């Protein structure tokens, strides 16, 4: 492979050190669309046998996994969505984790239920959790796992939509997307986010 090819490959391979799920704390929000990020991180914690514990200094529930390539932290902020960056930045700064080694799982209005996509960087699209993370980290260059919840059709209906509970069929579609994203964990854990991205998006198209 040419030298430029190898350089490009290494640019695509980032070692994840922090995985964040976005949502709102409390039983009344547990099953809402806005908590899709919590759904995925909690499912990943169960898959890996990680116990998520309250960590006051990180303003959320946190747990640690070590698969041989270094520690990867899991975090679910307790700050409510609009202040998610406070929690993410607290853990990232404490362990000196750069934005490029952070993955944030969140609900995505611009994707239909049943879809999950992986990307790095870009804007926050009006998602308040991402907006605060942008502000607190001072960078948009973290990775995002976007879990589709669909758009209600009008801007005025967005708040009620994201804070509402999906109908059973829609919830099943969202859980299918969560499961598909769990299936790319081996690639994520290995730091091969480009391979995870390709695998996840191929599943989404099938």
Protein backbone atom coordinates (compact mmCIF):
# COMPACT_ATOMS: atom_id res chain seq x y z
CA UNK A 1 0.00 0.00 0.00
CA UNK A 2 1.37 3.50 -0.81
CA UNK A 3 2.63 5.62 2.06
CA UNK A 4 -0.28 8.07 1.73
CA UNK A 5 -2.68 5.13 2.02
CA UNK A 6 -1.19 4.05 5.33
CA UNK A 7 -1.32 7.61 6.65
CA UNK A 8 -4.98 7.85 5.71
CA UNK A 9 -5.71 4.53 7.45
CA UNK A 10 -4.16 5.69 10.71
CA UNK A 11 -6.11 8.94 10.55
CA UNK A 12 -9.30 6.89 10.46
CA UNK A 13 -8.34 4.75 13.45
CA UNK A 14 -9.08 6.50 16.73
CA UNK A 15 -8.79 4.81 20.10
CA UNK A 16 -12.03 5.46 21.94
CA UNK A 17 -11.61 6.33 25.60
CA UNK A 18 -15.04 7.75 26.49
CA UNK A 19 -18.51 6.69 25.36
CA UNK A 20 -21.39 8.93 26.37
CA UNK A 21 -25.14 8.35 26.21
CA UNK A 22 -27.39 11.42 26.20
CA UNK A 23 -30.76 11.63 27.91
CA UNK A 24 -32.64 13.02 30.89
CA UNK A 25 -32.47 11.41 34.35
CA UNK A 26 -35.60 10.24 36.16
CA UNK A 27 -38.25 7.58 35.68
CA UNK A 28 -40.58 9.97 33.84
CA UNK A 29 -38.05 10.31 30.99
CA UNK A 30 -36.76 6.75 30.89
CA UNK A 31 -38.85 5.57 27.93
CA UNK A 32 -38.87 8.80 25.93
CA UNK A 33 -37.30 9.23 22.49
CA UNK A 34 -34.83 11.78 23.88
CA UNK A 35 -33.26 9.03 26.00
CA UNK A 36 -32.15 6.88 23.07
CA UNK A 37 -28.51 7.58 23.94
CA UNK A 38 -29.07 6.28 27.47
CA UNK A 39 -30.72 3.19 25.99
CA UNK A 40 -27.64 2.34 23.97
CA UNK A 41 -25.02 2.99 26.66
CA UNK A 42 -27.02 1.08 29.27
CA UNK A 43 -27.39 -1.83 26.80
CA UNK A 44 -23.64 -1.73 26.14
CA UNK A 45 -22.93 -1.74 29.88
CA UNK A 46 -25.11 -4.85 30.27
CA UNK A 47 -23.36 -6.51 27.33
CA UNK A 48 -19.95 -5.86 28.87
CA UNK A 49 -20.96 -6.63 32.46
CA UNK A 50 -20.22 -3.07 33.61
CA UNK A 51 -21.95 -1.61 36.66
CA UNK A 52 -22.75 2.07 36.15
CA UNK A 53 -22.32 3.99 39.40
CA UNK A 54 -23.07 7.55 40.42
CA UNK A 55 -19.93 9.67 40.20
CA UNK A 56 -20.53 13.10 41.70
CA UNK A 57 -17.35 14.61 40.25
CA UNK A 58 -18.48 13.61 36.75
CA UNK A 59 -22.13 14.63 37.27
CA UNK A 60 -23.52 11.30 36.11
CA UNK A 61 -23.43 7.52 36.09
CA UNK A 62 -20.09 6.10 34.99
CA UNK A 63 -18.41 2.75 34.52
CA UNK A 64 -15.08 1.52 33.15
CA UNK A 65 -14.20 -1.29 30.75
CA UNK A 66 -10.75 -2.64 29.96
CA UNK A 67 -10.41 -4.95 27.00
CA UNK A 68 -6.65 -4.92 26.74
CA UNK A 69 -6.18 -1.71 24.72
CA UNK A 70 -6.67 0.63 27.65
CA UNK A 71 -9.64 1.81 29.66
CA UNK A 72 -12.85 2.94 27.99
CA UNK A 73 -15.24 4.93 30.16
CA UNK A 74 -19.03 4.79 29.79
CA UNK A 75 -20.97 7.83 30.98
CA UNK A 76 -24.63 8.86 31.27
CA UNK A 77 -24.89 12.49 32.46
CA UNK A 78 -27.34 13.36 35.24
CA UNK A 79 -27.31 17.04 34.30
CA UNK A 80 -30.39 16.90 32.03
CA UNK A 81 -29.90 17.14 28.29
CA UNK A 82 -29.19 20.87 27.97
CA UNK A 83 -26.17 20.68 30.30
CA UNK A 84 -24.68 17.41 29.04
CA UNK A 85 -21.36 19.08 28.28
CA UNK A 86 -20.76 19.79 31.97
CA UNK A 87 -20.60 16.05 32.65
CA UNK A 88 -18.70 15.09 29.49
CA UNK A 89 -16.07 17.79 29.95
CA UNK A 90 -15.57 16.92 33.64
CA UNK A 91 -14.60 13.31 32.86
CA UNK A 92 -12.71 14.17 29.67
CA UNK A 93 -10.57 16.79 31.41
CA UNK A 94 -9.90 14.63 34.45
CA UNK A 95 -8.55 11.79 32.29
CA UNK A 96 -7.12 14.06 29.56
CA UNK A 97 -9.31 12.56 26.84
CA UNK A 98 -9.31 14.51 23.56
CA UNK A 99 -12.57 15.09 21.63
CA UNK A 100 -11.41 12.71 18.87
CA UNK A 101 -11.48 9.84 21.40
CA UNK A 102 -15.06 10.52 22.54
CA UNK A 103 -18.23 8.91 21.12
CA UNK A 104 -21.61 10.45 21.98
CA UNK A 105 -24.79 8.42 21.42
CA UNK A 106 -27.91 10.55 20.96
CA UNK A 107 -31.38 10.71 19.45
CA UNK A 108 -31.51 12.05 15.90
CA UNK A 109 -34.56 13.80 14.42
CA UNK A 110 -33.17 13.64 10.88
CA UNK A 111 -33.06 9.83 10.79
CA UNK A 112 -36.11 7.53 10.78
CA UNK A 113 -36.70 5.09 13.65
CA UNK A 114 -34.77 1.88 13.06
CA UNK A 115 -31.70 3.70 11.72
CA UNK A 116 -28.38 4.27 13.43
CA UNK A 117 -25.41 6.04 11.88
CA UNK A 118 -21.90 6.90 12.96
CA UNK A 119 -20.07 10.11 12.08
CA UNK A 120 -17.31 12.37 13.30
CA UNK A 121 -17.58 16.12 13.66
CA UNK A 122 -20.11 18.46 12.10
CA UNK A 123 -22.72 20.73 13.60
CA UNK A 124 -25.07 20.06 16.48
CA UNK A 125 -28.24 20.32 14.37
CA UNK A 126 -30.11 22.04 17.18
CA UNK A 127 -29.66 19.06 19.51
CA UNK A 128 -29.20 20.78 22.87
CA UNK A 129 -27.02 18.08 24.38
CA UNK A 130 -24.58 18.28 21.49
CA UNK A 131 -24.72 22.07 21.60
CA UNK A 132 -23.50 22.10 25.20
CA UNK A 133 -20.85 19.45 24.51
CA UNK A 134 -19.56 21.62 21.64
CA UNK A 135 -19.35 24.55 24.04
CA UNK A 136 -17.71 22.71 26.93
CA UNK A 137 -15.18 20.77 24.86
CA UNK A 138 -14.42 23.70 22.58
CA UNK A 139 -14.48 21.32 19.62
CA UNK A 140 -17.00 19.50 17.38
CA UNK A 141 -14.50 16.75 16.50
CA UNK A 142 -15.95 14.00 18.68
CA UNK A 143 -17.75 11.00 17.20
CA UNK A 144 -21.54 10.67 17.25
CA UNK A 145 -23.76 7.61 17.20
CA UNK A 146 -27.03 8.97 15.82
CA UNK A 147 -30.10 6.89 16.71
CA UNK A 148 -33.07 7.81 14.57
CA UNK A 149 -36.33 8.94 16.17
CA UNK A 150 -37.89 10.59 13.11
CA UNK A 151 -39.17 14.15 12.75
CA UNK A 152 -42.75 15.08 13.76
CA UNK A 153 -43.09 17.30 10.68
CA UNK A 154 -43.04 20.75 12.22
CA UNK A 155 -40.62 22.69 14.41
CA UNK A 156 -43.39 23.47 16.90
CA UNK A 157 -43.99 19.77 17.55
CA UNK A 158 -40.35 18.83 18.16
CA UNK A 159 -40.29 19.31 21.96
CA UNK A 160 -43.36 17.16 22.51
CA UNK A 161 -42.01 14.56 20.10
CA UNK A 162 -38.58 14.11 21.67
CA UNK A 163 -40.00 14.10 25.21
CA UNK A 164 -42.79 11.71 24.24
CA UNK A 165 -42.79 7.93 24.37
CA UNK A 166 -42.72 6.09 21.03
CA UNK A 167 -45.57 3.82 20.04
CA UNK A 168 -44.80 0.08 20.45
CA UNK A 169 -43.91 -0.50 16.78
CA UNK A 170 -41.68 2.58 16.74
CA UNK A 171 -40.03 1.56 19.99
CA UNK A 172 -39.24 -1.83 18.51
CA UNK A 173 -37.61 -0.13 15.52
CA UNK A 174 -35.51 2.05 17.83
CA UNK A 175 -34.43 -0.98 19.85
CA UNK A 176 -33.45 -2.72 16.61
CA UNK A 177 -31.20 0.27 15.83
CA UNK A 178 -29.70 0.06 19.33
CA UNK A 179 -28.99 -3.64 18.75
CA UNK A 180 -27.40 -2.95 15.36
CA UNK A 181 -25.12 -0.40 17.00
CA UNK A 182 -24.17 -2.94 19.67
CA UNK A 183 -23.10 -5.32 16.91
CA UNK A 184 -20.28 -2.98 15.85
CA UNK A 185 -18.80 -2.92 19.37
CA UNK A 186 -15.79 -5.12 18.40
CA UNK A 187 -14.77 -2.53 15.81
CA UNK A 188 -15.38 0.38 18.20
CA UNK A 189 -13.39 -1.28 20.97
CA UNK A 190 -10.50 -1.93 18.58
CA UNK A 191 -10.43 1.74 17.62
CA UNK A 192 -11.40 0.98 14.03
CA UNK A 193 -14.22 3.48 13.75
CA UNK A 194 -14.07 3.54 9.96
CA UNK A 195 -14.86 -0.21 9.89
CA UNK A 196 -17.63 0.27 12.47
CA UNK A 197 -19.08 3.06 10.37
CA UNK A 198 -19.05 0.95 7.19
CA UNK A 199 -20.57 -2.09 8.91
CA UNK A 200 -23.33 -0.12 10.63
CA UNK A 201 -24.30 1.80 7.51
CA UNK A 202 -24.33 -1.38 5.42
CA UNK A 203 -26.76 -2.96 7.88
CA UNK A 204 -28.91 0.18 7.72
CA UNK A 205 -29.22 -0.13 3.95
CA UNK A 206 -30.08 -3.84 3.89
